[in-house]
Amino acid sequence: CLSTAYKNEISEETAIMNNVMEIECSDNQIILIDL
């Protein structure tokens, strides 16, 4: 399962990264890792 990450809402303008396979959360930081 690969995902697209967005800021605040789903739209082309708010896309951050495609093909996200892993998400790490630490304090107020989100780390996205793609394929």
ModelCIF file with pLDDT and N, C-alpha, C, O atoms, coordinates in Angstrom:
data_MODEL
#
_entry.id   MODEL 
#
_entity.id                         1 
_entity.type                       polymer 
_entity.pdbx_number_of_molecules   1 
#
_entity_poly.entity_id                      1 
_entity_poly.type                           'polypeptide(L)' 
_entity_poly.nstd_linkage                   no 
_entity_poly.nstd_monomer                   no 
_entity_poly.pdbx_seq_one_letter_code       CLSTAYKNEISEETAIMNNVMEIECSDNQIILIDL 
_entity_poly.pdbx_seq_one_letter_code_can   CLSTAYKNEISEETAIMNNVMEIECSDNQIILIDL 
_entity_poly.pdbx_strand_id                 A 
#
loop_
_entity_poly_seq.entity_id 
_entity_poly_seq.num 
_entity_poly_seq.mon_id 
_entity_poly_seq.hetero 
1 1  CYS n 
1 2  LEU n 
1 3  SER n 
1 4  THR n 
1 5  ALA n 
1 6  TYR n 
1 7  LYS n 
1 8  ASN n 
1 9  GLU n 
1 10 ILE n 
1 11 SER n 
1 12 GLU n 
1 13 GLU n 
1 14 THR n 
1 15 ALA n 
1 16 ILE n 
1 17 MET n 
1 18 ASN n 
1 19 ASN n 
1 20 VAL n 
1 21 MET n 
1 22 GLU n 
1 23 ILE n 
1 24 GLU n 
1 25 CYS n 
1 26 SER n 
1 27 ASP n 
1 28 ASN n 
1 29 GLN n 
1 30 ILE n 
1 31 ILE n 
1 32 LEU n 
1 33 ILE n 
1 34 ASP n 
1 35 LEU n 
#
_struct_asym.id          A 
_struct_asym.entity_id   1 
#
loop_
_ma_qa_metric.id 
_ma_qa_metric.mode 
_ma_qa_metric.name 
_ma_qa_metric.software_group_id 
_ma_qa_metric.type 
1 global pLDDT . pLDDT 
2 local  pLDDT . pLDDT 
#
_ma_qa_metric_global.metric_id      1 
_ma_qa_metric_global.metric_value   95.63 
_ma_qa_metric_global.model_id       1 
_ma_qa_metric_global.ordinal_id     1 
#
loop_
_ma_qa_metric_local.label_asym_id 
_ma_qa_metric_local.label_comp_id 
_ma_qa_metric_local.label_seq_id 
_ma_qa_metric_local.metric_id 
_ma_qa_metric_local.metric_value 
_ma_qa_metric_local.model_id 
_ma_qa_metric_local.ordinal_id 
A CYS 1  2 80.00 1 1  
A LEU 2  2 94.00 1 2  
A SER 3  2 97.00 1 3  
A THR 4  2 98.00 1 4  
A ALA 5  2 98.00 1 5  
A TYR 6  2 98.00 1 6  
A LYS 7  2 97.00 1 7  
A ASN 8  2 97.00 1 8  
A GLU 9  2 97.00 1 9  
A ILE 10 2 97.00 1 10 
A SER 11 2 97.00 1 11 
A GLU 12 2 96.00 1 12 
A GLU 13 2 97.00 1 13 
A THR 14 2 97.00 1 14 
A ALA 15 2 98.00 1 15 
A ILE 16 2 97.00 1 16 
A MET 17 2 98.00 1 17 
A ASN 18 2 97.00 1 18 
A ASN 19 2 97.00 1 19 
A VAL 20 2 97.00 1 20 
A MET 21 2 96.00 1 21 
A GLU 22 2 96.00 1 22 
A ILE 23 2 96.00 1 23 
A GLU 24 2 96.00 1 24 
A CYS 25 2 93.00 1 25 
A SER 26 2 90.00 1 26 
A ASP 27 2 88.00 1 27 
A ASN 28 2 92.00 1 28 
A GLN 29 2 96.00 1 29 
A ILE 30 2 97.00 1 30 
A ILE 31 2 97.00 1 31 
A LEU 32 2 97.00 1 32 
A ILE 33 2 97.00 1 33 
A ASP 34 2 97.00 1 34 
A LEU 35 2 95.00 1 35 
#
loop_
_atom_site.group_PDB 
_atom_site.id 
_atom_site.type_symbol 
_atom_site.label_atom_id 
_atom_site.label_alt_id 
_atom_site.label_comp_id 
_atom_site.label_asym_id 
_atom_site.label_entity_id 
_atom_site.label_seq_id 
_atom_site.pdbx_PDB_ins_code 
_atom_site.Cartn_x 
_atom_site.Cartn_y 
_atom_site.Cartn_z 
_atom_site.occupancy 
_atom_site.B_iso_or_equiv 
_atom_site.pdbx_formal_charge 
_atom_site.auth_seq_id 
_atom_site.auth_comp_id 
_atom_site.auth_asym_id 
_atom_site.auth_atom_id 
_atom_site.pdbx_PDB_model_num 
ATOM 1   N N  . CYS A 1 1  ? 0.844  -1.191 0.000  1.00 80.00 ? 1  CYS A N  1 
ATOM 2   C CA . CYS A 1 1  ? 0.000  0.000  0.000  1.00 80.00 ? 1  CYS A CA 1 
ATOM 3   C C  . CYS A 1 1  ? 0.882  1.245  0.000  1.00 80.00 ? 1  CYS A C  1 
ATOM 4   O O  . CYS A 1 1  ? 1.572  1.530  0.978  1.00 80.00 ? 1  CYS A O  1 
ATOM 5   N N  . LEU A 1 2  ? 0.849  1.974  -1.101 1.00 94.00 ? 2  LEU A N  1 
ATOM 6   C CA . LEU A 1 2  ? 1.576  3.238  -1.191 1.00 94.00 ? 2  LEU A CA 1 
ATOM 7   C C  . LEU A 1 2  ? 0.564  4.364  -1.147 1.00 94.00 ? 2  LEU A C  1 
ATOM 8   O O  . LEU A 1 2  ? -0.560 4.214  -1.627 1.00 94.00 ? 2  LEU A O  1 
ATOM 9   N N  . SER A 1 3  ? 0.955  5.488  -0.575 1.00 97.00 ? 3  SER A N  1 
ATOM 10  C CA . SER A 1 3  ? 0.020  6.596  -0.406 1.00 97.00 ? 3  SER A CA 1 
ATOM 11  C C  . SER A 1 3  ? 0.626  7.897  -0.895 1.00 97.00 ? 3  SER A C  1 
ATOM 12  O O  . SER A 1 3  ? 1.838  8.011  -1.083 1.00 97.00 ? 3  SER A O  1 
ATOM 13  N N  . THR A 1 4  ? -0.245 8.878  -1.097 1.00 98.00 ? 4  THR A N  1 
ATOM 14  C CA . THR A 1 4  ? 0.167  10.251 -1.358 1.00 98.00 ? 4  THR A CA 1 
ATOM 15  C C  . THR A 1 4  ? -0.102 11.046 -0.096 1.00 98.00 ? 4  THR A C  1 
ATOM 16  O O  . THR A 1 4  ? -1.171 10.924 0.503  1.00 98.00 ? 4  THR A O  1 
ATOM 17  N N  . ALA A 1 5  ? 0.866  11.863 0.315  1.00 98.00 ? 5  ALA A N  1 
ATOM 18  C CA . ALA A 1 5  ? 0.726  12.687 1.513  1.00 98.00 ? 5  ALA A CA 1 
ATOM 19  C C  . ALA A 1 5  ? 0.353  14.109 1.105  1.00 98.00 ? 5  ALA A C  1 
ATOM 20  O O  . ALA A 1 5  ? 0.892  14.658 0.144  1.00 98.00 ? 5  ALA A O  1 
ATOM 21  N N  . TYR A 1 6  ? -0.578 14.690 1.853  1.00 98.00 ? 6  TYR A N  1 
ATOM 22  C CA . TYR A 1 6  ? -1.085 16.031 1.579  1.00 98.00 ? 6  TYR A CA 1 
ATOM 23  C C  . TYR A 1 6  ? -1.006 16.888 2.835  1.00 98.00 ? 6  TYR A C  1 
ATOM 24  O O  . TYR A 1 6  ? -1.012 16.367 3.950  1.00 98.00 ? 6  TYR A O  1 
ATOM 25  N N  . LYS A 1 7  ? -0.933 18.215 2.650  1.00 97.00 ? 7  LYS A N  1 
ATOM 26  C CA . LYS A 1 7  ? -1.011 19.166 3.755  1.00 97.00 ? 7  LYS A CA 1 
ATOM 27  C C  . LYS A 1 7  ? -2.461 19.627 3.903  1.00 97.00 ? 7  LYS A C  1 
ATOM 28  O O  . LYS A 1 7  ? -3.014 20.229 2.982  1.00 97.00 ? 7  LYS A O  1 
ATOM 29  N N  . ASN A 1 8  ? -3.070 19.355 5.035  1.00 97.00 ? 8  ASN A N  1 
ATOM 30  C CA . ASN A 1 8  ? -4.372 19.862 5.461  1.00 97.00 ? 8  ASN A CA 1 
ATOM 31  C C  . ASN A 1 8  ? -5.586 19.399 4.666  1.00 97.00 ? 8  ASN A C  1 
ATOM 32  O O  . ASN A 1 8  ? -6.662 19.269 5.249  1.00 97.00 ? 8  ASN A O  1 
ATOM 33  N N  . GLU A 1 9  ? -5.467 19.146 3.372  1.00 97.00 ? 9  GLU A N  1 
ATOM 34  C CA . GLU A 1 9  ? -6.593 18.696 2.556  1.00 97.00 ? 9  GLU A CA 1 
ATOM 35  C C  . GLU A 1 9  ? -6.073 18.011 1.293  1.00 97.00 ? 9  GLU A C  1 
ATOM 36  O O  . GLU A 1 9  ? -4.910 18.170 0.920  1.00 97.00 ? 9  GLU A O  1 
ATOM 37  N N  . ILE A 1 10 ? -6.936 17.262 0.653  1.00 97.00 ? 10 ILE A N  1 
ATOM 38  C CA . ILE A 1 10 ? -6.539 16.562 -0.566 1.00 97.00 ? 10 ILE A CA 1 
ATOM 39  C C  . ILE A 1 10 ? -6.786 17.459 -1.774 1.00 97.00 ? 10 ILE A C  1 
ATOM 40  O O  . ILE A 1 10 ? -7.927 17.771 -2.116 1.00 97.00 ? 10 ILE A O  1 
ATOM 41  N N  . SER A 1 11 ? -5.688 17.868 -2.414 1.00 97.00 ? 11 SER A N  1 
ATOM 42  C CA . SER A 1 11 ? -5.749 18.605 -3.679 1.00 97.00 ? 11 SER A CA 1 
ATOM 43  C C  . SER A 1 11 ? -4.372 18.524 -4.328 1.00 97.00 ? 11 SER A C  1 
ATOM 44  O O  . SER A 1 11 ? -3.381 18.212 -3.668 1.00 97.00 ? 11 SER A O  1 
ATOM 45  N N  . GLU A 1 12 ? -4.320 18.805 -5.615 1.00 96.00 ? 12 GLU A N  1 
ATOM 46  C CA . GLU A 1 12 ? -3.032 18.774 -6.318 1.00 96.00 ? 12 GLU A CA 1 
ATOM 47  C C  . GLU A 1 12 ? -2.052 19.782 -5.725 1.00 96.00 ? 12 GLU A C  1 
ATOM 48  O O  . GLU A 1 12 ? -0.849 19.522 -5.673 1.00 96.00 ? 12 GLU A O  1 
ATOM 49  N N  . GLU A 1 13 ? -2.558 20.924 -5.279 1.00 97.00 ? 13 GLU A N  1 
ATOM 50  C CA . GLU A 1 13 ? -1.709 21.993 -4.757 1.00 97.00 ? 13 GLU A CA 1 
ATOM 51  C C  . GLU A 1 13 ? -1.109 21.656 -3.394 1.00 97.00 ? 13 GLU A C  1 
ATOM 52  O O  . GLU A 1 13 ? -0.071 22.207 -3.028 1.00 97.00 ? 13 GLU A O  1 
ATOM 53  N N  . THR A 1 14 ? -1.744 20.761 -2.638 1.00 97.00 ? 14 THR A N  1 
ATOM 54  C CA . THR A 1 14 ? -1.271 20.464 -1.285 1.00 97.00 ? 14 THR A CA 1 
ATOM 55  C C  . THR A 1 14 ? -0.507 19.142 -1.186 1.00 97.00 ? 14 THR A C  1 
ATOM 56  O O  . THR A 1 14 ? -0.137 18.729 -0.088 1.00 97.00 ? 14 THR A O  1 
ATOM 57  N N  . ALA A 1 15 ? -0.268 18.480 -2.307 1.00 98.00 ? 15 ALA A N  1 
ATOM 58  C CA . ALA A 1 15 ? 0.465  17.212 -2.296 1.00 98.00 ? 15 ALA A CA 1 
ATOM 59  C C  . ALA A 1 15 ? 1.915  17.461 -1.868 1.00 98.00 ? 15 ALA A C  1 
ATOM 60  O O  . ALA A 1 15 ? 2.576  18.376 -2.360 1.00 98.00 ? 15 ALA A O  1 
ATOM 61  N N  . ILE A 1 16 ? 2.390  16.627 -0.942 1.00 97.00 ? 16 ILE A N  1 
ATOM 62  C CA . ILE A 1 16 ? 3.760  16.740 -0.441 1.00 97.00 ? 16 ILE A CA 1 
ATOM 63  C C  . ILE A 1 16 ? 4.653  15.689 -1.087 1.00 97.00 ? 16 ILE A C  1 
ATOM 64  O O  . ILE A 1 16 ? 5.746  16.002 -1.560 1.00 97.00 ? 16 ILE A O  1 
ATOM 65  N N  . MET A 1 17 ? 4.187  14.443 -1.107 1.00 98.00 ? 17 MET A N  1 
ATOM 66  C CA . MET A 1 17 ? 5.004  13.340 -1.605 1.00 98.00 ? 17 MET A CA 1 
ATOM 67  C C  . MET A 1 17 ? 4.105  12.212 -2.092 1.00 98.00 ? 17 MET A C  1 
ATOM 68  O O  . MET A 1 17 ? 3.083  11.911 -1.476 1.00 98.00 ? 17 MET A O  1 
ATOM 69  N N  . ASN A 1 18 ? 4.490  11.595 -3.193 1.00 97.00 ? 18 ASN A N  1 
ATOM 70  C CA . ASN A 1 18 ? 3.800  10.416 -3.734 1.00 97.00 ? 18 ASN A CA 1 
ATOM 71  C C  . ASN A 1 18 ? 4.542  9.151  -3.344 1.00 97.00 ? 18 ASN A C  1 
ATOM 72  O O  . ASN A 1 18 ? 5.702  9.202  -2.936 1.00 97.00 ? 18 ASN A O  1 
ATOM 73  N N  . ASN A 1 19 ? 3.876  8.031  -3.469 1.00 97.00 ? 19 ASN A N  1 
ATOM 74  C CA . ASN A 1 19 ? 4.466  6.708  -3.227 1.00 97.00 ? 19 ASN A CA 1 
ATOM 75  C C  . ASN A 1 19 ? 5.065  6.569  -1.836 1.00 97.00 ? 19 ASN A C  1 
ATOM 76  O O  . ASN A 1 19 ? 6.113  5.945  -1.667 1.00 97.00 ? 19 ASN A O  1 
ATOM 77  N N  . VAL A 1 20 ? 4.398  7.152  -0.830 1.00 97.00 ? 20 VAL A N  1 
ATOM 78  C CA . VAL A 1 20 ? 4.861  7.054  0.552  1.00 97.00 ? 20 VAL A CA 1 
ATOM 79  C C  . VAL A 1 20 ? 4.656  5.626  1.033  1.00 97.00 ? 20 VAL A C  1 
ATOM 80  O O  . VAL A 1 20 ? 3.558  5.077  0.936  1.00 97.00 ? 20 VAL A O  1 
ATOM 81  N N  . MET A 1 21 ? 5.732  5.026  1.558  1.00 96.00 ? 21 MET A N  1 
ATOM 82  C CA . MET A 1 21 ? 5.622  3.653  2.048  1.00 96.00 ? 21 MET A CA 1 
ATOM 83  C C  . MET A 1 21 ? 5.836  3.563  3.546  1.00 96.00 ? 21 MET A C  1 
ATOM 84  O O  . MET A 1 21 ? 5.518  2.546  4.162  1.00 96.00 ? 21 MET A O  1 
ATOM 85  N N  . GLU A 1 22 ? 6.386  4.643  4.147  1.00 96.00 ? 22 GLU A N  1 
ATOM 86  C CA . GLU A 1 22 ? 6.670  4.599  5.577  1.00 96.00 ? 22 GLU A CA 1 
ATOM 87  C C  . GLU A 1 22 ? 6.497  6.003  6.162  1.00 96.00 ? 22 GLU A C  1 
ATOM 88  O O  . GLU A 1 22 ? 6.851  7.000  5.533  1.00 96.00 ? 22 GLU A O  1 
ATOM 89  N N  . ILE A 1 23 ? 5.945  6.060  7.379  1.00 96.00 ? 23 ILE A N  1 
ATOM 90  C CA . ILE A 1 23 ? 5.745  7.327  8.083  1.00 96.00 ? 23 ILE A CA 1 
ATOM 91  C C  . ILE A 1 23 ? 6.291  7.167  9.491  1.00 96.00 ? 23 ILE A C  1 
ATOM 92  O O  . ILE A 1 23 ? 5.964  6.208  10.190 1.00 96.00 ? 23 ILE A O  1 
ATOM 93  N N  . GLU A 1 24 ? 7.127  8.118  9.902  1.00 96.00 ? 24 GLU A N  1 
ATOM 94  C CA . GLU A 1 24 ? 7.668  8.136  11.261 1.00 96.00 ? 24 GLU A CA 1 
ATOM 95  C C  . GLU A 1 24 ? 7.197  9.419  11.931 1.00 96.00 ? 24 GLU A C  1 
ATOM 96  O O  . GLU A 1 24 ? 7.269  10.492 11.331 1.00 96.00 ? 24 GLU A O  1 
ATOM 97  N N  . CYS A 1 25 ? 6.719  9.321  13.161 1.00 93.00 ? 25 CYS A N  1 
ATOM 98  C CA . CYS A 1 25 ? 6.253  10.491 13.912 1.00 93.00 ? 25 CYS A CA 1 
ATOM 99  C C  . CYS A 1 25 ? 7.097  10.644 15.167 1.00 93.00 ? 25 CYS A C  1 
ATOM 100 O O  . CYS A 1 25 ? 7.310  9.683  15.906 1.00 93.00 ? 25 CYS A O  1 
ATOM 101 N N  . SER A 1 26 ? 7.579  11.870 15.403 1.00 90.00 ? 26 SER A N  1 
ATOM 102 C CA . SER A 1 26 ? 8.367  12.162 16.583 1.00 90.00 ? 26 SER A CA 1 
ATOM 103 C C  . SER A 1 26 ? 8.092  13.594 16.990 1.00 90.00 ? 26 SER A C  1 
ATOM 104 O O  . SER A 1 26 ? 8.383  14.526 16.240 1.00 90.00 ? 26 SER A O  1 
ATOM 105 N N  . ASP A 1 27 ? 7.529  13.773 18.187 1.00 88.00 ? 27 ASP A N  1 
ATOM 106 C CA . ASP A 1 27 ? 7.153  15.104 18.667 1.00 88.00 ? 27 ASP A CA 1 
ATOM 107 C C  . ASP A 1 27 ? 6.270  15.781 17.630 1.00 88.00 ? 27 ASP A C  1 
ATOM 108 O O  . ASP A 1 27 ? 5.183  15.287 17.331 1.00 88.00 ? 27 ASP A O  1 
ATOM 109 N N  . ASN A 1 28 ? 6.714  16.891 17.083 1.00 92.00 ? 28 ASN A N  1 
ATOM 110 C CA . ASN A 1 28 ? 5.927  17.645 16.112 1.00 92.00 ? 28 ASN A CA 1 
ATOM 111 C C  . ASN A 1 28 ? 6.458  17.464 14.689 1.00 92.00 ? 28 ASN A C  1 
ATOM 112 O O  . ASN A 1 28 ? 6.148  18.272 13.813 1.00 92.00 ? 28 ASN A O  1 
ATOM 113 N N  . GLN A 1 29 ? 7.257  16.413 14.444 1.00 96.00 ? 29 GLN A N  1 
ATOM 114 C CA . GLN A 1 29 ? 7.840  16.152 13.134 1.00 96.00 ? 29 GLN A CA 1 
ATOM 115 C C  . GLN A 1 29 ? 7.268  14.865 12.537 1.00 96.00 ? 29 GLN A C  1 
ATOM 116 O O  . GLN A 1 29 ? 7.171  13.840 13.212 1.00 96.00 ? 29 GLN A O  1 
ATOM 117 N N  . ILE A 1 30 ? 6.896  14.939 11.273 1.00 97.00 ? 30 ILE A N  1 
ATOM 118 C CA . ILE A 1 30 ? 6.462  13.769 10.519 1.00 97.00 ? 30 ILE A CA 1 
ATOM 119 C C  . ILE A 1 30 ? 7.507  13.542 9.436  1.00 97.00 ? 30 ILE A C  1 
ATOM 120 O O  . ILE A 1 30 ? 7.813  14.451 8.665  1.00 97.00 ? 30 ILE A O  1 
ATOM 121 N N  . ILE A 1 31 ? 8.049  12.342 9.376  1.00 97.00 ? 31 ILE A N  1 
ATOM 122 C CA . ILE A 1 31 ? 9.026  11.992 8.348  1.00 97.00 ? 31 ILE A CA 1 
ATOM 123 C C  . ILE A 1 31 ? 8.368  11.011 7.400  1.00 97.00 ? 31 ILE A C  1 
ATOM 124 O O  . ILE A 1 31 ? 7.927  9.933  7.799  1.00 97.00 ? 31 ILE A O  1 
ATOM 125 N N  . LEU A 1 32 ? 8.309  11.405 6.130  1.00 97.00 ? 32 LEU A N  1 
ATOM 126 C CA . LEU A 1 32 ? 7.732  10.574 5.072  1.00 97.00 ? 32 LEU A CA 1 
ATOM 127 C C  . LEU A 1 32 ? 8.879  9.949  4.290  1.00 97.00 ? 32 LEU A C  1 
ATOM 128 O O  . LEU A 1 32 ? 9.865  10.620 3.985  1.00 97.00 ? 32 LEU A O  1 
ATOM 129 N N  . ILE A 1 33 ? 8.751  8.671  3.968  1.00 97.00 ? 33 ILE A N  1 
ATOM 130 C CA . ILE A 1 33 ? 9.767  7.962  3.187  1.00 97.00 ? 33 ILE A CA 1 
ATOM 131 C C  . ILE A 1 33 ? 9.058  7.310  2.010  1.00 97.00 ? 33 ILE A C  1 
ATOM 132 O O  . ILE A 1 33 ? 8.092  6.567  2.185  1.00 97.00 ? 33 ILE A O  1 
ATOM 133 N N  . ASP A 1 34 ? 9.552  7.599  0.800  1.00 97.00 ? 34 ASP A N  1 
ATOM 134 C CA . ASP A 1 34 ? 8.891  7.049  -0.389 1.00 97.00 ? 34 ASP A CA 1 
ATOM 135 C C  . ASP A 1 34 ? 9.540  5.746  -0.841 1.00 97.00 ? 34 ASP A C  1 
ATOM 136 O O  . ASP A 1 34 ? 10.497 5.267  -0.233 1.00 97.00 ? 34 ASP A O  1 
ATOM 137 N N  . LEU A 1 35 ? 9.016  5.201  -1.889 1.00 95.00 ? 35 LEU A N  1 
ATOM 138 C CA . LEU A 1 35 ? 9.444  3.908  -2.427 1.00 95.00 ? 35 LEU A CA 1 
ATOM 139 C C  . LEU A 1 35 ? 10.919 3.886  -2.811 1.00 95.00 ? 35 LEU A C  1 
ATOM 140 O O  . LEU A 1 35 ? 11.420 2.864  -3.279 1.00 95.00 ? 35 LEU A O  1 
#
